[in-house]
Amino acid sequence: MAAEDASVPEAGTEHREPYVVRVSGDMDLDHVGELRETLAAALAQAPEGAEITVDLRNSSFCDSAGLNALVDARRQAVQTGHVLRLAAPSHQLLRLLELTGSSGSFPLDATVPG
Protein backbone atom coordinates (compact mmCIF):
# COMPACT_ATOMS: atom_id res chain seq x y z
CA MET A 1 0.00 0.00 0.00
CA ALA A 2 1.23 3.42 -0.78
CA ALA A 3 -0.35 6.64 0.33
CA GLU A 4 0.92 9.98 -0.77
CA ASP A 5 -0.15 13.49 0.01
CA ALA A 6 1.61 15.22 -2.88
CA SER A 7 -1.49 17.30 -3.54
CA VAL A 8 -1.57 18.75 -0.03
CA PRO A 9 0.30 22.08 0.10
CA GLU A 10 2.46 23.23 2.96
CA ALA A 11 0.73 25.04 5.79
CA GLY A 12 0.26 28.72 5.11
CA THR A 13 0.07 28.46 1.33
CA GLU A 14 -3.10 29.38 -0.51
CA HIS A 15 -4.78 26.42 -2.15
CA ARG A 16 -8.15 26.52 -3.91
CA GLU A 17 -8.22 23.05 -5.44
CA PRO A 18 -9.33 19.99 -3.49
CA TYR A 19 -6.82 18.39 -1.16
CA VAL A 20 -6.23 14.85 -2.43
CA VAL A 21 -4.61 11.90 -0.68
CA ARG A 22 -3.90 9.15 -3.21
CA VAL A 23 -4.00 5.55 -1.98
CA SER A 24 -2.82 2.52 -3.92
CA GLY A 25 -2.70 -1.13 -2.99
CA ASP A 26 -4.31 -2.75 0.02
CA MET A 27 -5.55 -0.86 3.07
CA ASP A 28 -4.90 -3.67 5.51
CA LEU A 29 -3.16 -4.47 8.78
CA ASP A 30 0.23 -4.66 7.09
CA HIS A 31 -0.07 -1.15 5.61
CA VAL A 32 -2.35 0.76 7.97
CA GLY A 33 0.48 2.69 9.66
CA GLU A 34 1.41 4.50 6.44
CA LEU A 35 -2.25 5.23 5.73
CA ARG A 36 -2.78 6.70 9.21
CA GLU A 37 0.33 8.86 8.96
CA THR A 38 -0.60 10.23 5.55
CA LEU A 39 -4.18 11.03 6.53
CA ALA A 40 -3.02 12.70 9.77
CA ALA A 41 -0.49 14.82 7.84
CA ALA A 42 -3.14 15.90 5.33
CA LEU A 43 -5.51 16.90 8.13
CA ALA A 44 -2.76 18.78 9.95
CA GLN A 45 -1.70 20.73 6.86
CA ALA A 46 -5.12 21.63 5.48
CA PRO A 47 -6.72 24.86 6.68
CA GLU A 48 -9.88 24.64 8.76
CA GLY A 49 -12.91 23.88 6.64
CA ALA A 50 -10.92 22.33 3.81
CA GLU A 51 -12.25 19.23 2.13
CA ILE A 52 -9.82 16.33 1.86
CA THR A 53 -10.52 13.71 -0.78
CA VAL A 54 -9.12 10.21 -0.37
CA ASP A 55 -8.50 8.94 -3.91
CA LEU A 56 -9.17 5.19 -3.77
CA ARG A 57 -9.22 4.35 -7.48
CA ASN A 58 -5.96 2.38 -7.17
CA SER A 59 -6.93 0.52 -3.99
CA SER A 60 -9.02 -2.61 -4.34
CA PHE A 61 -9.01 -4.07 -0.82
CA CYS A 62 -9.72 -2.75 2.66
CA ASP A 63 -9.88 -4.82 5.84
CA SER A 64 -11.04 -3.76 9.31
CA ALA A 65 -7.69 -2.08 10.05
CA GLY A 66 -7.99 0.07 6.94
CA LEU A 67 -11.61 0.88 7.74
CA ASN A 68 -10.65 1.87 11.28
CA ALA A 69 -7.99 4.21 9.89
CA LEU A 70 -10.56 5.87 7.64
CA VAL A 71 -13.12 6.16 10.45
CA ASP A 72 -10.50 7.59 12.83
CA ALA A 73 -9.42 10.11 10.17
CA ARG A 74 -13.06 11.08 9.63
CA ARG A 75 -13.48 11.61 13.38
CA GLN A 76 -10.35 13.76 13.46
CA ALA A 77 -11.59 15.68 10.40
CA VAL A 78 -14.87 16.51 12.12
CA GLN A 79 -13.02 17.67 15.24
CA THR A 80 -10.75 19.95 13.23
CA GLY A 81 -13.43 21.40 10.94
CA HIS A 82 -12.57 19.39 7.83
CA VAL A 83 -14.57 17.13 5.53
CA LEU A 84 -13.08 13.74 4.62
CA ARG A 85 -14.48 12.50 1.30
CA LEU A 86 -13.90 9.08 -0.28
CA ALA A 87 -13.53 9.07 -4.06
CA ALA A 88 -13.74 6.04 -6.36
CA PRO A 89 -14.09 3.43 -3.60
CA SER A 90 -13.98 -0.19 -4.73
CA HIS A 91 -17.05 -2.39 -4.66
CA GLN A 92 -15.43 -4.29 -1.78
CA LEU A 93 -14.99 -1.11 0.29
CA LEU A 94 -18.55 -0.01 -0.44
CA ARG A 95 -19.78 -3.39 0.78
CA LEU A 96 -17.60 -3.15 3.92
CA LEU A 97 -19.00 0.31 4.66
CA GLU A 98 -22.52 -1.02 4.19
CA LEU A 99 -21.99 -4.10 6.38
CA THR A 100 -20.50 -2.05 9.21
CA GLY A 101 -23.11 0.70 9.07
CA SER A 102 -20.45 3.23 8.08
CA SER A 103 -21.73 4.08 4.62
CA GLY A 104 -23.44 7.26 5.82
CA SER A 105 -20.31 8.48 7.62
CA PHE A 106 -18.46 9.60 4.51
CA PRO A 107 -19.39 11.70 1.52
CA LEU A 108 -18.74 9.40 -1.46
CA ASP A 109 -17.82 10.27 -5.04
CA ALA A 110 -17.77 7.79 -7.89
CA THR A 111 -14.82 9.62 -9.47
CA VAL A 112 -11.87 11.68 -8.30
CA PRO A 113 -12.25 15.46 -8.73
CA GLY A 114 -9.89 17.32 -11.02
C-alpha atoms as a PDB file:
ATOM      1  CA  MET A   1       0.000   0.000   0.000  1.00  0.00           C
ATOM      2  CA  ALA A   2       1.229   3.419  -0.784  1.00  0.00           C
ATOM      3  CA  ALA A   3      -0.351   6.641   0.325  1.00  0.00           C
ATOM      4  CA  GLU A   4       0.925   9.978  -0.768  1.00  0.00           C
ATOM      5  CA  ASP A   5      -0.146  13.486   0.012  1.00  0.00           C
ATOM      6  CA  ALA A   6       1.605  15.221  -2.876  1.00  0.00           C
ATOM      7  CA  SER A   7      -1.487  17.300  -3.537  1.00  0.00           C
ATOM      8  CA  VAL A   8      -1.570  18.754  -0.033  1.00  0.00           C
ATOM      9  CA  PRO A   9       0.303  22.080   0.098  1.00  0.00           C
ATOM     10  CA  GLU A  10       2.461  23.225   2.960  1.00  0.00           C
ATOM     11  CA  ALA A  11       0.727  25.044   5.788  1.00  0.00           C
ATOM     12  CA  GLY A  12       0.260  28.721   5.115  1.00  0.00           C
ATOM     13  CA  THR A  13       0.067  28.457   1.332  1.00  0.00           C
ATOM     14  CA  GLU A  14      -3.103  29.378  -0.507  1.00  0.00           C
ATOM     15  CA  HIS A  15      -4.785  26.423  -2.147  1.00  0.00           C
ATOM     16  CA  ARG A  16      -8.147  26.519  -3.906  1.00  0.00           C
ATOM     17  CA  GLU A  17      -8.219  23.048  -5.442  1.00  0.00           C
ATOM     18  CA  PRO A  18      -9.333  19.987  -3.487  1.00  0.00           C
ATOM     19  CA  TYR A  19      -6.822  18.385  -1.157  1.00  0.00           C
ATOM     20  CA  VAL A  20      -6.234  14.853  -2.432  1.00  0.00           C
ATOM     21  CA  VAL A  21      -4.609  11.903  -0.685  1.00  0.00           C
ATOM     22  CA  ARG A  22      -3.903   9.152  -3.207  1.00  0.00           C
ATOM     23  CA  VAL A  23      -4.000   5.552  -1.977  1.00  0.00           C
ATOM     24  CA  SER A  24      -2.819   2.522  -3.925  1.00  0.00           C
ATOM     25  CA  GLY A  25      -2.702  -1.127  -2.987  1.00  0.00           C
ATOM     26  CA  ASP A  26      -4.310  -2.748   0.021  1.00  0.00           C
ATOM     27  CA  MET A  27      -5.545  -0.859   3.066  1.00  0.00           C
ATOM     28  CA  ASP A  28      -4.895  -3.666   5.512  1.00  0.00           C
ATOM     29  CA  LEU A  29      -3.162  -4.467   8.783  1.00  0.00           C
ATOM     30  CA  ASP A  30       0.230  -4.657   7.086  1.00  0.00           C
ATOM     31  CA  HIS A  31      -0.072  -1.154   5.607  1.00  0.00           C
ATOM     32  CA  VAL A  32      -2.346   0.759   7.968  1.00  0.00           C
ATOM     33  CA  GLY A  33       0.475   2.686   9.656  1.00  0.00           C
ATOM     34  CA  GLU A  34       1.410   4.496   6.444  1.00  0.00           C
ATOM     35  CA  LEU A  35      -2.253   5.234   5.730  1.00  0.00           C
ATOM     36  CA  ARG A  36      -2.785   6.699   9.212  1.00  0.00           C
ATOM     37  CA  GLU A  37       0.330   8.864   8.963  1.00  0.00           C
ATOM     38  CA  THR A  38      -0.598  10.231   5.548  1.00  0.00           C
ATOM     39  CA  LEU A  39      -4.180  11.027   6.533  1.00  0.00           C
ATOM     40  CA  ALA A  40      -3.023  12.698   9.770  1.00  0.00           C
ATOM     41  CA  ALA A  41      -0.493  14.816   7.841  1.00  0.00           C
ATOM     42  CA  ALA A  42      -3.138  15.901   5.331  1.00  0.00           C
ATOM     43  CA  LEU A  43      -5.509  16.901   8.127  1.00  0.00           C
ATOM     44  CA  ALA A  44      -2.762  18.780   9.955  1.00  0.00           C
ATOM     45  CA  GLN A  45      -1.701  20.733   6.856  1.00  0.00           C
ATOM     46  CA  ALA A  46      -5.118  21.632   5.476  1.00  0.00           C
ATOM     47  CA  PRO A  47      -6.718  24.859   6.684  1.00  0.00           C
ATOM     48  CA  GLU A  48      -9.877  24.645   8.761  1.00  0.00           C
ATOM     49  CA  GLY A  49     -12.913  23.880   6.636  1.00  0.00           C
ATOM     50  CA  ALA A  50     -10.916  22.329   3.813  1.00  0.00           C
ATOM     51  CA  GLU A  51     -12.253  19.229   2.135  1.00  0.00           C
ATOM     52  CA  ILE A  52      -9.823  16.330   1.864  1.00  0.00           C
ATOM     53  CA  THR A  53     -10.521  13.707  -0.781  1.00  0.00           C
ATOM     54  CA  VAL A  54      -9.121  10.214  -0.372  1.00  0.00           C
ATOM     55  CA  ASP A  55      -8.501   8.937  -3.911  1.00  0.00           C
ATOM     56  CA  LEU A  56      -9.172   5.188  -3.767  1.00  0.00           C
ATOM     57  CA  ARG A  57      -9.225   4.346  -7.480  1.00  0.00           C
ATOM     58  CA  ASN A  58      -5.960   2.379  -7.167  1.00  0.00           C
ATOM     59  CA  SER A  59      -6.932   0.521  -3.994  1.00  0.00           C
ATOM     60  CA  SER A  60      -9.024  -2.608  -4.336  1.00  0.00           C
ATOM     61  CA  PHE A  61      -9.007  -4.072  -0.818  1.00  0.00           C
ATOM     62  CA  CYS A  62      -9.725  -2.747   2.660  1.00  0.00           C
ATOM     63  CA  ASP A  63      -9.884  -4.818   5.844  1.00  0.00           C
ATOM     64  CA  SER A  64     -11.043  -3.758   9.305  1.00  0.00           C
ATOM     65  CA  ALA A  65      -7.688  -2.083  10.048  1.00  0.00           C
ATOM     66  CA  GLY A  66      -7.994   0.071   6.935  1.00  0.00           C
ATOM     67  CA  LEU A  67     -11.612   0.884   7.736  1.00  0.00           C
ATOM     68  CA  ASN A  68     -10.654   1.869  11.285  1.00  0.00           C
ATOM     69  CA  ALA A  69      -7.985   4.209   9.895  1.00  0.00           C
ATOM     70  CA  LEU A  70     -10.559   5.873   7.637  1.00  0.00           C
ATOM     71  CA  VAL A  71     -13.123   6.159  10.446  1.00  0.00           C
ATOM     72  CA  ASP A  72     -10.497   7.587  12.826  1.00  0.00           C
ATOM     73  CA  ALA A  73      -9.425  10.108  10.172  1.00  0.00           C
ATOM     74  CA  ARG A  74     -13.058  11.075   9.631  1.00  0.00           C
ATOM     75  CA  ARG A  75     -13.481  11.607  13.382  1.00  0.00           C
ATOM     76  CA  GLN A  76     -10.348  13.764  13.458  1.00  0.00           C
ATOM     77  CA  ALA A  77     -11.594  15.678  10.403  1.00  0.00           C
ATOM     78  CA  VAL A  78     -14.869  16.510  12.124  1.00  0.00           C
ATOM     79  CA  GLN A  79     -13.022  17.669  15.241  1.00  0.00           C
ATOM     80  CA  THR A  80     -10.746  19.947  13.228  1.00  0.00           C
ATOM     81  CA  GLY A  81     -13.428  21.397  10.938  1.00  0.00           C
ATOM     82  CA  HIS A  82     -12.569  19.387   7.826  1.00  0.00           C
ATOM     83  CA  VAL A  83     -14.573  17.133   5.531  1.00  0.00           C
ATOM     84  CA  LEU A  84     -13.085  13.744   4.617  1.00  0.00           C
ATOM     85  CA  ARG A  85     -14.484  12.503   1.295  1.00  0.00           C
ATOM     86  CA  LEU A  86     -13.897   9.081  -0.279  1.00  0.00           C
ATOM     87  CA  ALA A  87     -13.532   9.071  -4.058  1.00  0.00           C
ATOM     88  CA  ALA A  88     -13.744   6.045  -6.362  1.00  0.00           C
ATOM     89  CA  PRO A  89     -14.087   3.429  -3.604  1.00  0.00           C
ATOM     90  CA  SER A  90     -13.976  -0.195  -4.726  1.00  0.00           C
ATOM     91  CA  HIS A  91     -17.054  -2.385  -4.662  1.00  0.00           C
ATOM     92  CA  GLN A  92     -15.430  -4.291  -1.777  1.00  0.00           C
ATOM     93  CA  LEU A  93     -14.994  -1.110   0.287  1.00  0.00           C
ATOM     94  CA  LEU A  94     -18.553  -0.007  -0.436  1.00  0.00           C
ATOM     95  CA  ARG A  95     -19.778  -3.393   0.775  1.00  0.00           C
ATOM     96  CA  LEU A  96     -17.597  -3.145   3.920  1.00  0.00           C
ATOM     97  CA  LEU A  97     -18.997   0.312   4.661  1.00  0.00           C
ATOM     98  CA  GLU A  98     -22.521  -1.017   4.193  1.00  0.00           C
ATOM     99  CA  LEU A  99     -21.986  -4.102   6.375  1.00  0.00           C
ATOM    100  CA  THR A 100     -20.503  -2.055   9.210  1.00  0.00           C
ATOM    101  CA  GLY A 101     -23.108   0.698   9.072  1.00  0.00           C
ATOM    102  CA  SER A 102     -20.447   3.228   8.085  1.00  0.00           C
ATOM    103  CA  SER A 103     -21.735   4.075   4.620  1.00  0.00           C
ATOM    104  CA  GLY A 104     -23.443   7.261   5.819  1.00  0.00           C
ATOM    105  CA  SER A 105     -20.315   8.475   7.617  1.00  0.00           C
ATOM    106  CA  PHE A 106     -18.457   9.599   4.507  1.00  0.00           C
ATOM    107  CA  PRO A 107     -19.386  11.698   1.516  1.00  0.00           C
ATOM    108  CA  LEU A 108     -18.739   9.404  -1.465  1.00  0.00           C
ATOM    109  CA  ASP A 109     -17.824  10.271  -5.038  1.00  0.00           C
ATOM    110  CA  ALA A 110     -17.765   7.792  -7.894  1.00  0.00           C
ATOM    111  CA  THR A 111     -14.822   9.624  -9.470  1.00  0.00           C
ATOM    112  CA  VAL A 112     -11.872  11.683  -8.296  1.00  0.00           C
ATOM    113  CA  PRO A 113     -12.252  15.464  -8.733  1.00  0.00           C
ATOM    114  CA  GLY A 114      -9.892  17.316 -11.022  1.00  0.00           C
END
